[in-house]
Protein backbone atom coordinates (compact mmCIF):
# COMPACT_ATOMS: atom_id res chain seq x y z
CA GLN A 1 90.80 81.49 106.70
CA VAL A 2 91.75 82.83 109.74
CA GLN A 3 90.01 86.13 110.41
CA LEU A 4 92.38 88.62 112.72
CA VAL A 5 89.91 91.68 115.26
CA GLU A 6 91.60 94.15 117.13
CA SER A 7 90.01 95.99 119.61
CA GLY A 8 90.67 97.48 122.85
CA GLY A 9 93.41 100.92 121.77
CA GLY A 10 92.94 104.25 122.32
CA LEU A 11 94.36 107.27 123.65
CA VAL A 12 96.35 107.43 127.07
CA GLN A 13 98.41 109.73 128.81
CA ALA A 14 102.65 108.60 129.59
CA GLY A 15 102.43 105.81 132.25
CA GLY A 16 99.36 105.14 131.64
CA SER A 17 98.13 101.24 130.69
CA LEU A 18 95.97 99.45 127.76
CA ARG A 19 95.23 95.56 127.01
CA LEU A 20 94.38 94.97 123.70
CA SER A 21 92.53 91.78 122.48
CA CYS A 22 92.59 89.70 119.27
CA ALA A 23 89.59 87.85 118.52
CA ALA A 24 90.29 85.32 115.86
CA SER A 25 88.12 82.89 113.91
CA GLY A 26 87.42 80.88 110.86
CA GLY A 27 89.85 78.25 111.69
CA THR A 28 91.34 76.89 114.55
CA PHE A 29 93.69 79.22 117.10
CA GLY A 30 95.20 76.59 118.62
CA ASP A 31 97.43 76.01 115.53
CA TYR A 32 98.76 79.47 115.60
CA ALA A 33 101.42 81.24 116.96
CA MET A 34 100.42 84.80 117.25
CA GLY A 35 102.25 88.03 117.33
CA TRP A 36 101.79 91.48 118.04
CA PHE A 37 102.97 93.95 115.67
CA ARG A 38 103.14 97.78 115.20
CA GLN A 39 103.48 100.43 113.04
CA ALA A 40 104.49 103.80 113.72
CA SER A 41 103.81 106.89 111.15
CA GLY A 42 106.04 106.60 108.39
CA LYS A 43 108.17 104.06 109.76
CA GLU A 44 108.49 99.91 109.05
CA ARG A 45 106.30 97.22 110.92
CA GLU A 46 108.17 96.43 113.79
CA PHE A 47 107.63 93.32 116.48
CA VAL A 48 106.07 93.05 119.85
CA SER A 49 105.72 89.96 121.05
CA GLY A 50 104.80 86.74 120.24
CA ILE A 51 103.47 83.79 121.88
CA SER A 52 103.44 79.74 121.19
CA TRP A 53 100.80 77.88 120.09
CA ASN A 54 99.93 77.20 123.90
CA GLY A 55 101.27 79.78 125.59
CA GLY A 56 104.27 77.67 126.59
CA ARG A 57 107.27 80.42 124.68
CA THR A 58 106.54 83.70 124.91
CA TYR A 59 109.14 86.62 123.19
CA LEU A 60 109.55 91.15 123.76
CA THR A 61 111.11 92.50 122.05
CA ASP A 62 113.76 94.33 123.92
CA SER A 63 111.52 98.14 124.64
CA VAL A 64 108.92 96.61 126.31
CA LYS A 65 110.57 94.00 128.48
CA GLY A 66 109.80 94.55 131.50
CA ARG A 67 106.14 97.22 130.58
CA PHE A 68 103.84 94.66 128.34
CA THR A 69 102.71 91.16 128.56
CA ILE A 70 101.38 88.98 126.21
CA SER A 71 98.98 86.01 126.83
CA ARG A 72 96.41 83.93 125.45
CA ASP A 73 93.27 82.03 125.92
CA ASN A 74 92.63 79.24 123.71
CA ALA A 75 89.33 78.62 124.62
CA LYS A 76 87.97 82.21 123.90
CA ASN A 77 90.66 82.51 120.65
CA THR A 78 91.52 85.29 122.09
CA VAL A 79 95.32 86.85 121.97
CA TYR A 80 96.41 89.60 124.74
CA LEU A 81 98.65 92.39 125.32
CA GLN A 82 98.82 94.19 128.41
CA MET A 83 100.76 97.34 128.41
CA ASN A 84 101.48 98.95 130.79
CA SER A 85 103.63 102.06 131.59
CA LEU A 86 102.96 103.67 128.31
CA LYS A 87 105.69 105.88 126.31
CA PRO A 88 104.61 108.09 123.86
CA GLU A 89 106.86 106.02 121.44
CA ASP A 90 104.69 103.33 121.76
CA THR A 91 102.46 105.62 119.54
CA ALA A 92 101.67 103.02 116.51
CA VAL A 93 99.29 100.52 114.88
CA TYR A 94 98.89 97.69 116.97
CA TYR A 95 98.76 94.46 114.15
CA CYS A 96 97.92 91.25 115.57
CA ALA A 97 98.72 88.48 113.60
CA ALA A 98 98.88 84.52 112.99
CA SER A 99 101.72 81.90 112.44
CA ARG A 100 102.10 78.50 112.10
CA GLY A 101 105.71 79.33 114.42
CA LEU A 102 106.43 81.46 116.21
CA GLN A 103 108.33 84.13 114.41
CA THR A 104 110.14 87.54 115.15
CA ARG A 105 109.57 88.52 111.12
CA PRO A 106 106.78 89.79 109.46
CA THR A 107 106.85 87.69 106.63
CA GLY A 108 106.59 84.69 108.42
CA TYR A 109 103.01 85.61 109.50
CA ASP A 110 99.88 84.63 107.11
CA TYR A 111 97.05 85.75 108.92
CA TRP A 112 96.67 89.71 109.87
CA GLY A 113 94.28 92.08 112.06
CA PRO A 114 93.14 95.06 110.14
CA GLY A 115 94.66 97.16 113.08
CA THR A 116 93.91 99.19 116.53
CA GLN A 117 95.35 102.21 117.40
CA VAL A 118 97.26 103.34 120.40
CA THR A 119 98.61 107.09 121.22
CA VAL A 120 100.28 108.18 123.74
CA SER A 121 100.04 111.65 124.94
CA SER A 122 103.40 113.26 126.69
């Protein structure tokens, strides 16, 4: 059983930056690909970014390419999402999740954190 806890969310002005962290415990972190998802109010949860177990492969959804970067530190059991040039449309609850294989579908992820709110003001 893997437990995930996100941190680093908050309120930021448009154009600003935030770095989200997701700390894992209770399992072998390096066994899992990790993903970041977000869910805005009234909308479905959507894939933002994913990273393979060793960081060798990463994916970003088109709307965040060039602005967001995903990384992981297996020694610290932590995955990060660096978010730059934030826009109001990035406002959402951000979730990290763990999967046995890198994928974009939420249903493919086995473990989820409780989420952290990111609010971008215009």
